[in-house]
Amino acid sequence: MIKGVIFDVDGTLYDYLANDKIAVKALCRYAKENLNVEEEDFRKFYGEARVIVRERLTDGGARHSRVLFCQTVMELLGENPFCHILKMYDIYWNTFLTNMKPFDGVVDFIRKLKSTGKKISICTDMTAHIQYRKIERLGLKNFIDCMVTSEETGLEKPSPVMFNLALRKLNTSAEETAYFGDSLERDIEGAAKVGIKPFWYIAQKNDDEIKTDFEKIRSYREVINSEIFFGN
């Protein structure tokens, strides 16, 4: 029976894309009001900034830093970043967190895992600080035992370093551990390669995207009474 369960965060526990869209919209309003930059132009510069940061940083959690994204936007606009970065960072993440809601059934499933003695870890390609804030916002902080971030390892999934460190923190073997994630390549194939049993969360995918033999779920309600996790 499974003794440990590892979860990805973004797109697995909640709808990342929907919240990012709302948060970027808030940045557009800030840019219009404080920099006289129209939304279409800001989005262009923001997209360019993301590309620049991720080409410069080929791996690790800093590739996702909104501080670096916004700093690069200010540099592209010829603005002094010190006058805007911290405000923009707070606007983005406060808007993002305010609108976050866990996917249906995920809190109940994780609570039940914890109540039956399972060890639970987070394994995420992100900076640690904001992921702690997300876990708290989702109402999960009392159920999670540990976390591994790509900021901590310097490498992102599907690197085995991420999954193996999560196993070490959980003190479970790969064979007695399950993994839930939304990315086939990064999460599911990455976990499978180190021997962890993966469950592919596909609620936001269409049928053309999910042609694989890996076990799939569209709702956490599907596994909340599963023998794999809770026995007979």
C-alpha atoms as a PDB file:
ATOM      1  CA  MET A   1       0.000   0.000   0.000  1.00  0.00           C
ATOM      2  CA  ILE A   2       1.073   3.578  -0.637  1.00  0.00           C
ATOM      3  CA  LYS A   3       2.837   5.253   2.310  1.00  0.00           C
ATOM      4  CA  GLY A   4       3.764   8.584   0.754  1.00  0.00           C
ATOM      5  CA  VAL A   5       2.117  10.895  -1.772  1.00  0.00           C
ATOM      6  CA  ILE A   6       3.784  13.729  -3.684  1.00  0.00           C
ATOM      7  CA  PHE A   7       1.843  16.539  -5.335  1.00  0.00           C
ATOM      8  CA  ASP A   8       2.758  19.098  -7.934  1.00  0.00           C
ATOM      9  CA  VAL A   9       1.130  22.480  -7.173  1.00  0.00           C
ATOM     10  CA  ASP A  10       0.381  24.645 -10.207  1.00  0.00           C
ATOM     11  CA  GLY A  11      -2.304  23.132 -12.417  1.00  0.00           C
ATOM     12  CA  THR A  12      -2.593  20.141 -10.085  1.00  0.00           C
ATOM     13  CA  LEU A  13      -4.039  21.565  -6.882  1.00  0.00           C
ATOM     14  CA  TYR A  14      -5.709  24.611  -8.438  1.00  0.00           C
ATOM     15  CA  ASP A  15      -6.198  26.367 -11.794  1.00  0.00           C
ATOM     16  CA  TYR A  16      -2.895  28.149 -12.428  1.00  0.00           C
ATOM     17  CA  LEU A  17      -3.729  29.546 -15.871  1.00  0.00           C
ATOM     18  CA  ALA A  18      -6.949  31.215 -14.726  1.00  0.00           C
ATOM     19  CA  ASN A  19      -5.232  32.920 -11.810  1.00  0.00           C
ATOM     20  CA  ASP A  20      -2.233  34.016 -13.854  1.00  0.00           C
ATOM     21  CA  LYS A  21      -4.587  35.613 -16.373  1.00  0.00           C
ATOM     22  CA  ILE A  22      -6.317  37.642 -13.657  1.00  0.00           C
ATOM     23  CA  ALA A  23      -3.018  38.667 -12.064  1.00  0.00           C
ATOM     24  CA  VAL A  24      -1.447  39.806 -15.351  1.00  0.00           C
ATOM     25  CA  LYS A  25      -4.593  41.844 -16.011  1.00  0.00           C
ATOM     26  CA  ALA A  26      -3.979  43.614 -12.705  1.00  0.00           C
ATOM     27  CA  LEU A  27      -0.416  44.399 -13.821  1.00  0.00           C
ATOM     28  CA  CYS A  28      -1.805  45.847 -17.046  1.00  0.00           C
ATOM     29  CA  ARG A  29      -3.980  48.218 -15.042  1.00  0.00           C
ATOM     30  CA  TYR A  30      -0.990  49.286 -12.967  1.00  0.00           C
ATOM     31  CA  ALA A  31       1.061  49.930 -16.091  1.00  0.00           C
ATOM     32  CA  LYS A  32      -1.710  52.026 -17.599  1.00  0.00           C
ATOM     33  CA  GLU A  33      -2.251  54.103 -14.463  1.00  0.00           C
ATOM     34  CA  ASN A  34       1.387  54.578 -13.434  1.00  0.00           C
ATOM     35  CA  LEU A  35       3.463  54.219 -16.602  1.00  0.00           C
ATOM     36  CA  ASN A  36       0.977  55.328 -19.257  1.00  0.00           C
ATOM     37  CA  VAL A  37       1.546  52.029 -21.061  1.00  0.00           C
ATOM     38  CA  GLU A  38      -1.441  50.527 -22.841  1.00  0.00           C
ATOM     39  CA  GLU A  39      -2.465  46.964 -22.056  1.00  0.00           C
ATOM     40  CA  GLU A  40      -1.514  45.611 -25.476  1.00  0.00           C
ATOM     41  CA  ASP A  41       1.962  47.113 -25.201  1.00  0.00           C
ATOM     42  CA  PHE A  42       2.475  45.936 -21.636  1.00  0.00           C
ATOM     43  CA  ARG A  43       1.501  42.388 -22.552  1.00  0.00           C
ATOM     44  CA  LYS A  44       4.004  42.476 -25.404  1.00  0.00           C
ATOM     45  CA  PHE A  45       6.811  43.615 -23.115  1.00  0.00           C
ATOM     46  CA  TYR A  46       5.786  41.177 -20.380  1.00  0.00           C
ATOM     47  CA  GLY A  47       5.876  38.274 -22.827  1.00  0.00           C
ATOM     48  CA  GLU A  48       9.265  39.381 -24.106  1.00  0.00           C
ATOM     49  CA  ALA A  49      10.553  39.683 -20.531  1.00  0.00           C
ATOM     50  CA  ARG A  50       9.504  36.105 -19.725  1.00  0.00           C
ATOM     51  CA  VAL A  51      11.410  34.837 -22.756  1.00  0.00           C
ATOM     52  CA  ILE A  52      14.518  36.825 -21.811  1.00  0.00           C
ATOM     53  CA  VAL A  53      14.528  35.560 -18.223  1.00  0.00           C
ATOM     54  CA  ARG A  54      13.963  31.940 -19.191  1.00  0.00           C
ATOM     55  CA  GLU A  55      16.615  31.998 -21.888  1.00  0.00           C
ATOM     56  CA  ARG A  56      19.073  33.521 -19.442  1.00  0.00           C
ATOM     57  CA  LEU A  57      18.228  31.037 -16.683  1.00  0.00           C
ATOM     58  CA  THR A  58      18.053  27.615 -18.264  1.00  0.00           C
ATOM     59  CA  ASP A  59      17.018  25.794 -15.085  1.00  0.00           C
ATOM     60  CA  GLY A  60      15.942  26.362 -11.490  1.00  0.00           C
ATOM     61  CA  GLY A  61      13.164  28.177  -9.678  1.00  0.00           C
ATOM     62  CA  ALA A  62      14.336  31.709 -10.499  1.00  0.00           C
ATOM     63  CA  ARG A  63      13.110  31.164 -14.073  1.00  0.00           C
ATOM     64  CA  HIS A  64       9.612  31.773 -12.673  1.00  0.00           C
ATOM     65  CA  SER A  65      10.400  34.882 -10.609  1.00  0.00           C
ATOM     66  CA  ARG A  66       7.856  37.656 -11.104  1.00  0.00           C
ATOM     67  CA  VAL A  67      10.432  40.049  -9.678  1.00  0.00           C
ATOM     68  CA  LEU A  68      12.735  39.205 -12.586  1.00  0.00           C
ATOM     69  CA  PHE A  69       9.880  39.356 -15.098  1.00  0.00           C
ATOM     70  CA  CYS A  70       8.812  42.811 -13.918  1.00  0.00           C
ATOM     71  CA  GLN A  71      12.388  44.044 -13.600  1.00  0.00           C
ATOM     72  CA  THR A  72      13.022  43.066 -17.199  1.00  0.00           C
ATOM     73  CA  VAL A  73       9.811  44.801 -18.307  1.00  0.00           C
ATOM     74  CA  MET A  74      10.999  48.013 -16.649  1.00  0.00           C
ATOM     75  CA  GLU A  75      14.353  47.707 -18.384  1.00  0.00           C
ATOM     76  CA  LEU A  76      12.654  47.221 -21.751  1.00  0.00           C
ATOM     77  CA  LEU A  77      10.511  50.293 -21.083  1.00  0.00           C
ATOM     78  CA  GLY A  78      13.484  52.371 -19.942  1.00  0.00           C
ATOM     79  CA  GLU A  79      11.916  52.897 -16.509  1.00  0.00           C
ATOM     80  CA  ASN A  80      13.615  52.848 -13.113  1.00  0.00           C
ATOM     81  CA  PRO A  81      12.737  49.434 -11.663  1.00  0.00           C
ATOM     82  CA  PHE A  82      13.216  50.581  -8.074  1.00  0.00           C
ATOM     83  CA  CYS A  83      10.108  52.756  -8.344  1.00  0.00           C
ATOM     84  CA  HIS A  84       7.805  49.916  -9.409  1.00  0.00           C
ATOM     85  CA  ILE A  85       9.066  46.362  -8.828  1.00  0.00           C
ATOM     86  CA  LEU A  86       7.877  45.741  -5.277  1.00  0.00           C
ATOM     87  CA  LYS A  87       4.469  47.249  -6.005  1.00  0.00           C
ATOM     88  CA  MET A  88       4.102  45.140  -9.137  1.00  0.00           C
ATOM     89  CA  TYR A  89       5.197  41.995  -7.327  1.00  0.00           C
ATOM     90  CA  ASP A  90       2.608  42.563  -4.607  1.00  0.00           C
ATOM     91  CA  ILE A  91      -0.132  43.410  -7.105  1.00  0.00           C
ATOM     92  CA  TYR A  92       0.510  40.260  -9.113  1.00  0.00           C
ATOM     93  CA  TRP A  93       0.695  37.812  -6.232  1.00  0.00           C
ATOM     94  CA  ASN A  94      -1.951  39.379  -4.002  1.00  0.00           C
ATOM     95  CA  THR A  95      -4.385  39.310  -6.928  1.00  0.00           C
ATOM     96  CA  PHE A  96      -3.348  35.757  -7.768  1.00  0.00           C
ATOM     97  CA  LEU A  97      -3.713  34.452  -4.210  1.00  0.00           C
ATOM     98  CA  THR A  98      -7.008  36.230  -3.580  1.00  0.00           C
ATOM     99  CA  ASN A  99      -8.599  34.413  -6.515  1.00  0.00           C
ATOM    100  CA  MET A 100      -7.144  30.947  -5.858  1.00  0.00           C
ATOM    101  CA  LYS A 101      -9.500  28.046  -5.182  1.00  0.00           C
ATOM    102  CA  PRO A 102      -8.516  24.384  -4.816  1.00  0.00           C
ATOM    103  CA  PHE A 103      -9.777  21.913  -7.368  1.00  0.00           C
ATOM    104  CA  ASP A 104     -12.848  19.966  -6.315  1.00  0.00           C
ATOM    105  CA  GLY A 105     -12.047  17.168  -3.898  1.00  0.00           C
ATOM    106  CA  VAL A 106      -8.346  17.883  -3.473  1.00  0.00           C
ATOM    107  CA  VAL A 107      -8.583  19.177   0.108  1.00  0.00           C
ATOM    108  CA  ASP A 108     -10.785  16.254   1.153  1.00  0.00           C
ATOM    109  CA  PHE A 109      -8.423  13.780  -0.492  1.00  0.00           C
ATOM    110  CA  ILE A 110      -5.299  15.231   1.111  1.00  0.00           C
ATOM    111  CA  ARG A 111      -7.014  15.492   4.494  1.00  0.00           C
ATOM    112  CA  LYS A 112      -7.962  11.823   4.287  1.00  0.00           C
ATOM    113  CA  LEU A 113      -4.441  10.839   3.264  1.00  0.00           C
ATOM    114  CA  LYS A 114      -3.080  12.652   6.300  1.00  0.00           C
ATOM    115  CA  SER A 115      -5.679  11.181   8.659  1.00  0.00           C
ATOM    116  CA  THR A 116      -4.710   7.654   7.590  1.00  0.00           C
ATOM    117  CA  GLY A 117      -1.016   8.204   8.281  1.00  0.00           C
ATOM    118  CA  LYS A 118       0.257   8.963   4.788  1.00  0.00           C
ATOM    119  CA  LYS A 119       3.228  11.264   4.424  1.00  0.00           C
ATOM    120  CA  ILE A 120       2.665  14.113   1.986  1.00  0.00           C
ATOM    121  CA  SER A 121       5.129  16.222   0.021  1.00  0.00           C
ATOM    122  CA  ILE A 122       5.013  19.012  -2.516  1.00  0.00           C
ATOM    123  CA  CYS A 123       7.347  18.863  -5.540  1.00  0.00           C
ATOM    124  CA  THR A 124       7.230  22.029  -7.627  1.00  0.00           C
ATOM    125  CA  ASP A 125       9.115  24.039 -10.245  1.00  0.00           C
ATOM    126  CA  MET A 126       8.961  27.360  -8.454  1.00  0.00           C
ATOM    127  CA  THR A 127      10.452  29.595  -5.790  1.00  0.00           C
ATOM    128  CA  ALA A 128       9.771  28.370  -2.274  1.00  0.00           C
ATOM    129  CA  HIS A 129       8.335  31.542  -0.734  1.00  0.00           C
ATOM    130  CA  ILE A 130       5.351  31.876  -3.018  1.00  0.00           C
ATOM    131  CA  GLN A 131       4.592  28.157  -2.937  1.00  0.00           C
ATOM    132  CA  TYR A 132       4.342  28.292   0.856  1.00  0.00           C
ATOM    133  CA  ARG A 133       1.880  31.148   0.452  1.00  0.00           C
ATOM    134  CA  LYS A 134      -0.145  29.146  -2.084  1.00  0.00           C
ATOM    135  CA  ILE A 135      -0.328  26.084   0.151  1.00  0.00           C
ATOM    136  CA  GLU A 136      -1.568  28.242   3.017  1.00  0.00           C
ATOM    137  CA  ARG A 137      -4.113  29.957   0.788  1.00  0.00           C
ATOM    138  CA  LEU A 138      -5.418  26.575  -0.416  1.00  0.00           C
ATOM    139  CA  GLY A 139      -6.005  25.499   3.187  1.00  0.00           C
ATOM    140  CA  LEU A 140      -3.450  22.692   3.038  1.00  0.00           C
ATOM    141  CA  LYS A 141      -0.636  23.831   5.318  1.00  0.00           C
ATOM    142  CA  ASN A 142      -1.603  21.509   8.183  1.00  0.00           C
ATOM    143  CA  PHE A 143      -1.559  18.437   5.954  1.00  0.00           C
ATOM    144  CA  ILE A 144       1.737  18.799   4.064  1.00  0.00           C
ATOM    145  CA  ASP A 145       4.884  17.357   5.656  1.00  0.00           C
ATOM    146  CA  CYS A 146       7.557  18.791   3.372  1.00  0.00           C
ATOM    147  CA  MET A 147       8.278  20.519   0.076  1.00  0.00           C
ATOM    148  CA  VAL A 148      10.866  20.358  -2.687  1.00  0.00           C
ATOM    149  CA  THR A 149      11.215  23.295  -5.094  1.00  0.00           C
ATOM    150  CA  SER A 150      13.395  23.814  -8.124  1.00  0.00           C
ATOM    151  CA  GLU A 151      14.788  26.841  -6.283  1.00  0.00           C
ATOM    152  CA  GLU A 152      16.115  24.411  -3.685  1.00  0.00           C
ATOM    153  CA  THR A 153      17.583  21.881  -6.114  1.00  0.00           C
ATOM    154  CA  GLY A 154      18.709  24.194  -8.915  1.00  0.00           C
ATOM    155  CA  LEU A 155      17.022  21.836 -11.386  1.00  0.00           C
ATOM    156  CA  GLU A 156      13.466  21.514 -12.599  1.00  0.00           C
ATOM    157  CA  LYS A 157      11.314  18.489 -13.267  1.00  0.00           C
ATOM    158  CA  PRO A 158      11.646  16.005 -14.899  1.00  0.00           C
ATOM    159  CA  SER A 159      15.121  15.898 -13.316  1.00  0.00           C
ATOM    160  CA  PRO A 160      15.280  12.879 -10.987  1.00  0.00           C
ATOM    161  CA  VAL A 161      16.925  15.148  -8.401  1.00  0.00           C
ATOM    162  CA  MET A 162      13.517  16.675  -7.668  1.00  0.00           C
ATOM    163  CA  PHE A 163      11.718  13.381  -7.128  1.00  0.00           C
ATOM    164  CA  ASN A 164      14.549  11.697  -5.241  1.00  0.00           C
ATOM    165  CA  LEU A 165      14.844  14.578  -2.793  1.00  0.00           C
ATOM    166  CA  ALA A 166      11.101  14.377  -2.146  1.00  0.00           C
ATOM    167  CA  LEU A 167      11.492  10.661  -1.417  1.00  0.00           C
ATOM    168  CA  ARG A 168      14.339  11.344   0.997  1.00  0.00           C
ATOM    169  CA  LYS A 169      12.322  13.969   2.829  1.00  0.00           C
ATOM    170  CA  LEU A 170       9.332  11.622   3.057  1.00  0.00           C
ATOM    171  CA  ASN A 171      11.583   8.692   4.019  1.00  0.00           C
ATOM    172  CA  THR A 172       9.641   6.408   1.692  1.00  0.00           C
ATOM    173  CA  SER A 173      10.776   4.243  -1.203  1.00  0.00           C
ATOM    174  CA  ALA A 174       9.702   4.937  -4.768  1.00  0.00           C
ATOM    175  CA  GLU A 175       7.671   1.719  -4.797  1.00  0.00           C
ATOM    176  CA  GLU A 176       5.529   2.871  -1.865  1.00  0.00           C
ATOM    177  CA  THR A 177       5.023   6.415  -3.125  1.00  0.00           C
ATOM    178  CA  ALA A 178       2.499   7.973  -5.529  1.00  0.00           C
ATOM    179  CA  TYR A 179       2.707  11.231  -7.458  1.00  0.00           C
ATOM    180  CA  PHE A 180      -0.008  13.581  -8.750  1.00  0.00           C
ATOM    181  CA  GLY A 181       0.767  16.113 -11.479  1.00  0.00           C
ATOM    182  CA  ASP A 182      -0.726  17.777 -14.541  1.00  0.00           C
ATOM    183  CA  SER A 183       2.277  17.774 -16.906  1.00  0.00           C
ATOM    184  CA  LEU A 184       2.867  14.520 -18.777  1.00  0.00           C
ATOM    185  CA  GLU A 185       6.538  15.191 -19.495  1.00  0.00           C
ATOM    186  CA  ARG A 186       7.598  16.976 -16.327  1.00  0.00           C
ATOM    187  CA  ASP A 187       5.450  15.307 -13.691  1.00  0.00           C
ATOM    188  CA  ILE A 188       4.199  11.960 -14.876  1.00  0.00           C
ATOM    189  CA  GLU A 189       7.096  10.702 -16.975  1.00  0.00           C
ATOM    190  CA  GLY A 190       9.576  12.207 -14.520  1.00  0.00           C
ATOM    191  CA  ALA A 191       8.032  10.398 -11.554  1.00  0.00           C
ATOM    192  CA  ALA A 192       7.703   7.130 -13.470  1.00  0.00           C
ATOM    193  CA  LYS A 193      11.383   7.151 -14.414  1.00  0.00           C
ATOM    194  CA  VAL A 194      12.409   6.961 -10.760  1.00  0.00           C
ATOM    195  CA  GLY A 195       9.845   4.257  -9.981  1.00  0.00           C
ATOM    196  CA  ILE A 196       7.127   6.382  -8.377  1.00  0.00           C
ATOM    197  CA  LYS A 197       3.538   5.505  -9.348  1.00  0.00           C
ATOM    198  CA  PRO A 198       2.125   8.540 -11.205  1.00  0.00           C
ATOM    199  CA  PHE A 199      -1.456   9.765 -11.440  1.00  0.00           C
ATOM    200  CA  TRP A 200      -2.010  12.228 -14.263  1.00  0.00           C
ATOM    201  CA  TYR A 201      -4.493  14.985 -13.378  1.00  0.00           C
ATOM    202  CA  ILE A 202      -6.252  15.693 -16.682  1.00  0.00           C
ATOM    203  CA  ALA A 203      -9.328  17.711 -15.701  1.00  0.00           C
ATOM    204  CA  GLN A 204      -8.276  20.630 -17.912  1.00  0.00           C
ATOM    205  CA  LYS A 205      -7.212  18.568 -20.910  1.00  0.00           C
ATOM    206  CA  ASN A 206      -9.173  17.333 -23.910  1.00  0.00           C
ATOM    207  CA  ASP A 207      -9.174  13.743 -25.160  1.00  0.00           C
ATOM    208  CA  ASP A 208      -6.584  14.425 -27.862  1.00  0.00           C
ATOM    209  CA  GLU A 209      -4.023  15.384 -25.206  1.00  0.00           C
ATOM    210  CA  ILE A 210      -4.246  12.303 -23.000  1.00  0.00           C
ATOM    211  CA  LYS A 211      -3.369   9.335 -25.200  1.00  0.00           C
ATOM    212  CA  THR A 212      -1.068   7.438 -22.861  1.00  0.00           C
ATOM    213  CA  ASP A 213      -1.210   4.371 -20.647  1.00  0.00           C
ATOM    214  CA  PHE A 214      -0.502   6.262 -17.418  1.00  0.00           C
ATOM    215  CA  GLU A 215      -3.318   6.262 -14.879  1.00  0.00           C
ATOM    216  CA  LYS A 216      -5.468   9.369 -15.224  1.00  0.00           C
ATOM    217  CA  ILE A 217      -7.973  11.196 -13.037  1.00  0.00           C
ATOM    218  CA  ARG A 218     -10.334  14.051 -13.845  1.00  0.00           C
ATOM    219  CA  SER A 219     -11.381  14.576 -10.228  1.00  0.00           C
ATOM    220  CA  TYR A 220      -9.862  13.776  -6.855  1.00  0.00           C
ATOM    221  CA  ARG A 221     -13.234  12.277  -5.990  1.00  0.00           C
ATOM    222  CA  GLU A 222     -12.170   9.335  -8.165  1.00  0.00           C
ATOM    223  CA  VAL A 223      -9.408   8.352  -5.721  1.00  0.00           C
ATOM    224  CA  ILE A 224     -10.801   9.461  -2.377  1.00  0.00           C
ATOM    225  CA  ASN A 225     -11.845   5.870  -1.579  1.00  0.00           C
ATOM    226  CA  SER A 226      -9.220   4.085  -3.648  1.00  0.00           C
ATOM    227  CA  GLU A 227      -7.816   0.806  -2.326  1.00  0.00           C
ATOM    228  CA  ILE A 228      -4.406   1.887  -3.603  1.00  0.00           C
ATOM    229  CA  PHE A 229      -4.286   4.557  -0.910  1.00  0.00           C
ATOM    230  CA  PHE A 230      -6.663   3.360   1.783  1.00  0.00           C
ATOM    231  CA  GLY A 231      -6.885  -0.434   1.477  1.00  0.00           C
ATOM    232  CA  ASN A 232     -10.158  -2.369   1.640  1.00  0.00           C
END
